[in-house]
């Protein structure tokens, strides 16, 4: 598993965090999702062979939270 970090400026509340977690945790290859409402970030532990960063970005966008990949 690798960790990828995303900035998602549309995150505003705990409900947003719950929606993101629900959208991502059911994807095969994603092991853990951590959302910070305060920092408007999403950290995803995933198997890069099973799910790509592009697929995660697409899933976030479809859930209503367009995001960009960040460093660290």
PDB file of N, CA and C in Angstrom:
ATOM      1  N   UNK A   1       0.840  -1.188   0.000  1.00  0.00           N
ATOM      2  CA  UNK A   1       0.000   0.000   0.000  1.00  0.00           C
ATOM      3  C   UNK A   1       0.880   1.246   0.000  1.00  0.00           C
ATOM      4  N   UNK A   2       0.419   2.219  -0.740  1.00  0.00           N
ATOM      5  CA  UNK A   2       1.052   3.539  -0.736  1.00  0.00           C
ATOM      6  C   UNK A   2       0.019   4.542  -0.249  1.00  0.00           C
ATOM      7  N   UNK A   3       0.507   5.687   0.197  1.00  0.00           N
ATOM      8  CA  UNK A   3      -0.407   6.749   0.602  1.00  0.00           C
ATOM      9  C   UNK A   3      -0.339   7.876  -0.403  1.00  0.00           C
ATOM     10  N   UNK A   4      -1.503   8.329  -0.839  1.00  0.00           N
ATOM     11  CA  UNK A   4      -1.601   9.483  -1.715  1.00  0.00           C
ATOM     12  C   UNK A   4      -2.395  10.553  -0.981  1.00  0.00           C
ATOM     13  N   UNK A   5      -1.963  11.791  -1.162  1.00  0.00           N
ATOM     14  CA  UNK A   5      -2.576  12.919  -0.463  1.00  0.00           C
ATOM     15  C   UNK A   5      -3.228  13.839  -1.487  1.00  0.00           C
ATOM     16  N   UNK A   6      -4.444  14.270  -1.175  1.00  0.00           N
ATOM     17  CA  UNK A   6      -5.212  15.099  -2.089  1.00  0.00           C
ATOM     18  C   UNK A   6      -5.726  16.339  -1.369  1.00  0.00           C
ATOM     19  N   UNK A   7      -5.802  17.439  -2.103  1.00  0.00           N
ATOM     20  CA  UNK A   7      -6.432  18.660  -1.624  1.00  0.00           C
ATOM     21  C   UNK A   7      -7.811  18.726  -2.259  1.00  0.00           C
ATOM     22  N   UNK A   8      -8.844  18.888  -1.429  1.00  0.00           N
ATOM     23  CA  UNK A   8     -10.221  18.947  -1.909  1.00  0.00           C
ATOM     24  C   UNK A   8     -10.907  20.155  -1.267  1.00  0.00           C
ATOM     25  N   UNK A   9     -10.827  21.320  -1.904  1.00  0.00           N
ATOM     26  CA  UNK A   9     -11.326  22.559  -1.286  1.00  0.00           C
ATOM     27  C   UNK A   9     -12.824  22.602  -1.016  1.00  0.00           C
ATOM     28  N   UNK A  10     -13.590  21.688  -1.586  1.00  0.00           N
ATOM     29  CA  UNK A  10     -15.046  21.685  -1.380  1.00  0.00           C
ATOM     30  C   UNK A  10     -15.460  21.032  -0.058  1.00  0.00           C
ATOM     31  N   UNK A  11     -14.508  20.444   0.676  1.00  0.00           N
ATOM     32  CA  UNK A  11     -14.838  19.822   1.970  1.00  0.00           C
ATOM     33  C   UNK A  11     -15.197  20.930   2.956  1.00  0.00           C
ATOM     34  N   UNK A  12     -16.408  20.833   3.533  1.00  0.00           N
ATOM     35  CA  UNK A  12     -16.858  21.872   4.449  1.00  0.00           C
ATOM     36  C   UNK A  12     -17.282  21.367   5.821  1.00  0.00           C
ATOM     37  N   UNK A  13     -17.601  20.058   5.932  1.00  0.00           N
ATOM     38  CA  UNK A  13     -18.146  19.587   7.209  1.00  0.00           C
ATOM     39  C   UNK A  13     -17.941  18.078   7.351  1.00  0.00           C
ATOM     40  N   UNK A  14     -18.375  17.573   8.480  1.00  0.00           N
ATOM     41  CA  UNK A  14     -18.272  16.141   8.725  1.00  0.00           C
ATOM     42  C   UNK A  14     -19.094  15.320   7.748  1.00  0.00           C
ATOM     43  N   UNK A  15     -20.195  15.879   7.283  1.00  0.00           N
ATOM     44  CA  UNK A  15     -21.006  15.182   6.282  1.00  0.00           C
ATOM     45  C   UNK A  15     -20.237  14.998   4.983  1.00  0.00           C
ATOM     46  N   UNK A  16     -19.471  16.015   4.605  1.00  0.00           N
ATOM     47  CA  UNK A  16     -18.623  15.913   3.418  1.00  0.00           C
ATOM     48  C   UNK A  16     -17.607  14.790   3.611  1.00  0.00           C
ATOM     49  N   UNK A  17     -16.997  14.768   4.778  1.00  0.00           N
ATOM     50  CA  UNK A  17     -16.009  13.727   5.076  1.00  0.00           C
ATOM     51  C   UNK A  17     -16.641  12.344   4.978  1.00  0.00           C
ATOM     52  N   UNK A  18     -17.847  12.202   5.513  1.00  0.00           N
ATOM     53  CA  UNK A  18     -18.544  10.922   5.444  1.00  0.00           C
ATOM     54  C   UNK A  18     -18.847  10.511   4.020  1.00  0.00           C
ATOM     55  N   UNK A  19     -19.241  11.463   3.189  1.00  0.00           N
ATOM     56  CA  UNK A  19     -19.522  11.172   1.782  1.00  0.00           C
ATOM     57  C   UNK A  19     -18.269  10.702   1.054  1.00  0.00           C
ATOM     58  N   UNK A  20     -17.152  11.336   1.343  1.00  0.00           N
ATOM     59  CA  UNK A  20     -15.890  10.954   0.709  1.00  0.00           C
ATOM     60  C   UNK A  20     -15.486   9.555   1.157  1.00  0.00           C
ATOM     61  N   UNK A  21     -15.552   9.310   2.448  1.00  0.00           N
ATOM     62  CA  UNK A  21     -15.191   7.989   2.970  1.00  0.00           C
ATOM     63  C   UNK A  21     -16.078   6.908   2.356  1.00  0.00           C
ATOM     64  N   UNK A  22     -17.362   7.168   2.262  1.00  0.00           N
ATOM     65  CA  UNK A  22     -18.291   6.191   1.689  1.00  0.00           C
ATOM     66  C   UNK A  22     -17.967   5.929   0.218  1.00  0.00           C
ATOM     67  N   UNK A  23     -17.649   6.985  -0.521  1.00  0.00           N
ATOM     68  CA  UNK A  23     -17.362   6.846  -1.950  1.00  0.00           C
ATOM     69  C   UNK A  23     -16.072   6.074  -2.207  1.00  0.00           C
ATOM     70  N   UNK A  24     -15.086   6.228  -1.327  1.00  0.00           N
ATOM     71  CA  UNK A  24     -13.776   5.621  -1.579  1.00  0.00           C
ATOM     72  C   UNK A  24     -13.581   4.260  -0.929  1.00  0.00           C
ATOM     73  N   UNK A  25     -14.146   4.036   0.242  1.00  0.00           N
ATOM     74  CA  UNK A  25     -13.852   2.790   0.949  1.00  0.00           C
ATOM     75  C   UNK A  25     -14.409   1.564   0.253  1.00  0.00           C
ATOM     76  N   UNK A  26     -15.393   1.726  -0.609  1.00  0.00           N
ATOM     77  CA  UNK A  26     -15.939   0.563  -1.314  1.00  0.00           C
ATOM     78  C   UNK A  26     -15.172   0.218  -2.586  1.00  0.00           C
ATOM     79  N   UNK A  27     -14.111   0.967  -2.896  1.00  0.00           N
ATOM     80  CA  UNK A  27     -13.308   0.712  -4.087  1.00  0.00           C
ATOM     81  C   UNK A  27     -12.260  -0.355  -3.778  1.00  0.00           C
ATOM     82  N   UNK A  28     -12.212  -1.396  -4.609  1.00  0.00           N
ATOM     83  CA  UNK A  28     -11.214  -2.444  -4.423  1.00  0.00           C
ATOM     84  C   UNK A  28      -9.818  -1.848  -4.556  1.00  0.00           C
ATOM     85  N   UNK A  29      -8.967  -2.164  -3.594  1.00  0.00           N
ATOM     86  CA  UNK A  29      -7.597  -1.673  -3.613  1.00  0.00           C
ATOM     87  C   UNK A  29      -7.357  -0.507  -2.673  1.00  0.00           C
ATOM     88  N   UNK A  30      -8.442   0.062  -2.118  1.00  0.00           N
ATOM     89  CA  UNK A  30      -8.289   1.145  -1.143  1.00  0.00           C
ATOM     90  C   UNK A  30      -8.418   0.548   0.249  1.00  0.00           C
ATOM     91  N   UNK A  31      -7.367   0.759   1.066  1.00  0.00           N
ATOM     92  CA  UNK A  31      -7.343   0.181   2.393  1.00  0.00           C
ATOM     93  C   UNK A  31      -7.853   1.113   3.470  1.00  0.00           C
ATOM     94  N   UNK A  32      -7.572   2.405   3.337  1.00  0.00           N
ATOM     95  CA  UNK A  32      -7.979   3.368   4.366  1.00  0.00           C
ATOM     96  C   UNK A  32      -8.141   4.742   3.747  1.00  0.00           C
ATOM     97  N   UNK A  33      -9.074   5.500   4.322  1.00  0.00           N
ATOM     98  CA  UNK A  33      -9.328   6.871   3.871  1.00  0.00           C
ATOM     99  C   UNK A  33      -9.369   7.750   5.109  1.00  0.00           C
ATOM    100  N   UNK A  34      -8.602   8.825   5.086  1.00  0.00           N
ATOM    101  CA  UNK A  34      -8.603   9.772   6.199  1.00  0.00           C
ATOM    102  C   UNK A  34      -8.904  11.157   5.627  1.00  0.00           C
ATOM    103  N   UNK A  35      -9.942  11.805   6.158  1.00  0.00           N
ATOM    104  CA  UNK A  35     -10.364  13.114   5.678  1.00  0.00           C
ATOM    105  C   UNK A  35     -10.160  14.141   6.783  1.00  0.00           C
ATOM    106  N   UNK A  36      -9.531  15.260   6.461  1.00  0.00           N
ATOM    107  CA  UNK A  36      -9.394  16.373   7.401  1.00  0.00           C
ATOM    108  C   UNK A  36     -10.273  17.517   6.906  1.00  0.00           C
ATOM    109  N   UNK A  37     -11.343  17.787   7.655  1.00  0.00           N
ATOM    110  CA  UNK A  37     -12.237  18.880   7.288  1.00  0.00           C
ATOM    111  C   UNK A  37     -11.498  20.214   7.422  1.00  0.00           C
ATOM    112  N   UNK A  38     -10.731  20.372   8.491  1.00  0.00           N
ATOM    113  CA  UNK A  38     -10.028  21.629   8.751  1.00  0.00           C
ATOM    114  C   UNK A  38      -9.024  21.957   7.648  1.00  0.00           C
ATOM    115  N   UNK A  39      -8.270  20.949   7.211  1.00  0.00           N
ATOM    116  CA  UNK A  39      -7.235  21.180   6.198  1.00  0.00           C
ATOM    117  C   UNK A  39      -7.742  20.978   4.774  1.00  0.00           C
ATOM    118  N   UNK A  40      -8.976  20.457   4.654  1.00  0.00           N
ATOM    119  CA  UNK A  40      -9.578  20.172   3.352  1.00  0.00           C
ATOM    120  C   UNK A  40      -8.706  19.209   2.539  1.00  0.00           C
ATOM    121  N   UNK A  41      -8.281  18.133   3.218  1.00  0.00           N
ATOM    122  CA  UNK A  41      -7.419  17.134   2.592  1.00  0.00           C
ATOM    123  C   UNK A  41      -7.994  15.733   2.747  1.00  0.00           C
ATOM    124  N   UNK A  42      -7.560  14.872   1.844  1.00  0.00           N
ATOM    125  CA  UNK A  42      -7.929  13.458   1.879  1.00  0.00           C
ATOM    126  C   UNK A  42      -6.644  12.654   1.715  1.00  0.00           C
ATOM    127  N   UNK A  43      -6.415  11.702   2.605  1.00  0.00           N
ATOM    128  CA  UNK A  43      -5.276  10.798   2.500  1.00  0.00           C
ATOM    129  C   UNK A  43      -5.836   9.395   2.261  1.00  0.00           C
ATOM    130  N   UNK A  44      -5.316   8.756   1.216  1.00  0.00           N
ATOM    131  CA  UNK A  44      -5.833   7.445   0.822  1.00  0.00           C
ATOM    132  C   UNK A  44      -4.692   6.442   0.796  1.00  0.00           C
ATOM    133  N   UNK A  45      -4.833   5.350   1.556  1.00  0.00           N
ATOM    134  CA  UNK A  45      -3.898   4.231   1.487  1.00  0.00           C
ATOM    135  C   UNK A  45      -4.455   3.266   0.448  1.00  0.00           C
ATOM    136  N   UNK A  46      -3.674   2.997  -0.590  1.00  0.00           N
ATOM    137  CA  UNK A  46      -4.197   2.171  -1.678  1.00  0.00           C
ATOM    138  C   UNK A  46      -3.105   1.341  -2.330  1.00  0.00           C
ATOM    139  N   UNK A  47      -3.544   0.291  -2.994  1.00  0.00           N
ATOM    140  CA  UNK A  47      -2.659  -0.557  -3.779  1.00  0.00           C
ATOM    141  C   UNK A  47      -2.609   0.045  -5.177  1.00  0.00           C
ATOM    142  N   UNK A  48      -1.459   0.590  -5.597  1.00  0.00           N
ATOM    143  CA  UNK A  48      -1.389   1.271  -6.896  1.00  0.00           C
ATOM    144  C   UNK A  48      -1.608   0.342  -8.091  1.00  0.00           C
ATOM    145  N   UNK A  49      -1.504  -0.952  -7.879  1.00  0.00           N
ATOM    146  CA  UNK A  49      -1.761  -1.898  -8.969  1.00  0.00           C
ATOM    147  C   UNK A  49      -3.270  -2.032  -9.196  1.00  0.00           C
ATOM    148  N   UNK A  50      -4.037  -1.979  -8.115  1.00  0.00           N
ATOM    149  CA  UNK A  50      -5.487  -2.157  -8.212  1.00  0.00           C
ATOM    150  C   UNK A  50      -6.248  -0.861  -8.455  1.00  0.00           C
ATOM    151  N   UNK A  51      -5.751   0.244  -7.927  1.00  0.00           N
ATOM    152  CA  UNK A  51      -6.447   1.527  -8.092  1.00  0.00           C
ATOM    153  C   UNK A  51      -5.414   2.640  -8.254  1.00  0.00           C
ATOM    154  N   UNK A  52      -5.527   3.364  -9.349  1.00  0.00           N
ATOM    155  CA  UNK A  52      -4.574   4.437  -9.656  1.00  0.00           C
ATOM    156  C   UNK A  52      -4.989   5.748  -9.003  1.00  0.00           C
ATOM    157  N   UNK A  53      -4.052   6.678  -8.957  1.00  0.00           N
ATOM    158  CA  UNK A  53      -4.350   8.022  -8.461  1.00  0.00           C
ATOM    159  C   UNK A  53      -5.428   8.655  -9.339  1.00  0.00           C
ATOM    160  N   UNK A  54      -5.342   8.461 -10.639  1.00  0.00           N
ATOM    161  CA  UNK A  54      -6.349   9.017 -11.558  1.00  0.00           C
ATOM    162  C   UNK A  54      -7.738   8.486 -11.233  1.00  0.00           C
ATOM    163  N   UNK A  55      -7.837   7.201 -10.896  1.00  0.00           N
ATOM    164  CA  UNK A  55      -9.131   6.610 -10.550  1.00  0.00           C
ATOM    165  C   UNK A  55      -9.672   7.212  -9.249  1.00  0.00           C
ATOM    166  N   UNK A  56      -8.792   7.478  -8.304  1.00  0.00           N
ATOM    167  CA  UNK A  56      -9.211   8.096  -7.047  1.00  0.00           C
ATOM    168  C   UNK A  56      -9.700   9.516  -7.309  1.00  0.00           C
ATOM    169  N   UNK A  57      -8.972  10.258  -8.126  1.00  0.00           N
ATOM    170  CA  UNK A  57      -9.393  11.623  -8.470  1.00  0.00           C
ATOM    171  C   UNK A  57     -10.754  11.623  -9.160  1.00  0.00           C
ATOM    172  N   UNK A  58     -10.968  10.672 -10.050  1.00  0.00           N
ATOM    173  CA  UNK A  58     -12.255  10.566 -10.739  1.00  0.00           C
ATOM    174  C   UNK A  58     -13.369  10.256  -9.752  1.00  0.00           C
ATOM    175  N   UNK A  59     -13.123   9.348  -8.834  1.00  0.00           N
ATOM    176  CA  UNK A  59     -14.123   8.964  -7.838  1.00  0.00           C
ATOM    177  C   UNK A  59     -14.456  10.169  -6.942  1.00  0.00           C
ATOM    178  N   UNK A  60     -13.440  10.931  -6.545  1.00  0.00           N
ATOM    179  CA  UNK A  60     -13.679  12.129  -5.730  1.00  0.00           C
ATOM    180  C   UNK A  60     -14.522  13.145  -6.498  1.00  0.00           C
ATOM    181  N   UNK A  61     -14.211  13.343  -7.761  1.00  0.00           N
ATOM    182  CA  UNK A  61     -14.967  14.296  -8.572  1.00  0.00           C
ATOM    183  C   UNK A  61     -16.428  13.852  -8.718  1.00  0.00           C
ATOM    184  N   UNK A  62     -16.640  12.574  -8.957  1.00  0.00           N
ATOM    185  CA  UNK A  62     -18.005  12.054  -9.086  1.00  0.00           C
ATOM    186  C   UNK A  62     -18.787  12.191  -7.777  1.00  0.00           C
ATOM    187  N   UNK A  63     -18.079  12.165  -6.653  1.00  0.00           N
ATOM    188  CA  UNK A  63     -18.725  12.333  -5.350  1.00  0.00           C
ATOM    189  C   UNK A  63     -19.001  13.808  -5.027  1.00  0.00           C
ATOM    190  N   UNK A  64     -18.546  14.714  -5.912  1.00  0.00           N
ATOM    191  CA  UNK A  64     -18.781  16.138  -5.705  1.00  0.00           C
ATOM    192  C   UNK A  64     -17.645  16.880  -5.040  1.00  0.00           C
ATOM    193  N   UNK A  65     -16.482  16.244  -5.010  1.00  0.00           N
ATOM    194  CA  UNK A  65     -15.327  16.857  -4.344  1.00  0.00           C
ATOM    195  C   UNK A  65     -14.106  16.821  -5.263  1.00  0.00           C
ATOM    196  N   UNK A  66     -14.088  17.693  -6.280  1.00  0.00           N
ATOM    197  CA  UNK A  66     -12.923  17.726  -7.161  1.00  0.00           C
ATOM    198  C   UNK A  66     -11.660  17.977  -6.337  1.00  0.00           C
ATOM    199  N   UNK A  67     -10.606  17.244  -6.677  1.00  0.00           N
ATOM    200  CA  UNK A  67      -9.394  17.300  -5.860  1.00  0.00           C
ATOM    201  C   UNK A  67      -8.162  17.333  -6.755  1.00  0.00           C
ATOM    202  N   UNK A  68      -7.047  17.667  -6.135  1.00  0.00           N
ATOM    203  CA  UNK A  68      -5.761  17.605  -6.817  1.00  0.00           C
ATOM    204  C   UNK A  68      -4.794  16.822  -5.943  1.00  0.00           C
ATOM    205  N   UNK A  69      -3.869  16.138  -6.574  1.00  0.00           N
ATOM    206  CA  UNK A  69      -2.839  15.408  -5.860  1.00  0.00           C
ATOM    207  C   UNK A  69      -1.857  16.401  -5.266  1.00  0.00           C
ATOM    208  N   UNK A  70      -1.462  16.191  -4.007  1.00  0.00           N
ATOM    209  CA  UNK A  70      -0.495  17.066  -3.346  1.00  0.00           C
ATOM    210  C   UNK A  70       0.707  16.257  -2.897  1.00  0.00           C
ATOM    211  N   UNK A  71       1.748  16.932  -2.530  1.00  0.00           N
ATOM    212  CA  UNK A  71       2.947  16.278  -1.995  1.00  0.00           C
ATOM    213  C   UNK A  71       2.788  16.078  -0.501  1.00  0.00           C
ATOM    214  N   UNK A  72       3.427  15.032   0.016  1.00  0.00           N
ATOM    215  CA  UNK A  72       3.470  14.805   1.455  1.00  0.00           C
ATOM    216  C   UNK A  72       2.192  14.392   1.995  1.00  0.00           C
TER     217      UNK A  72
END
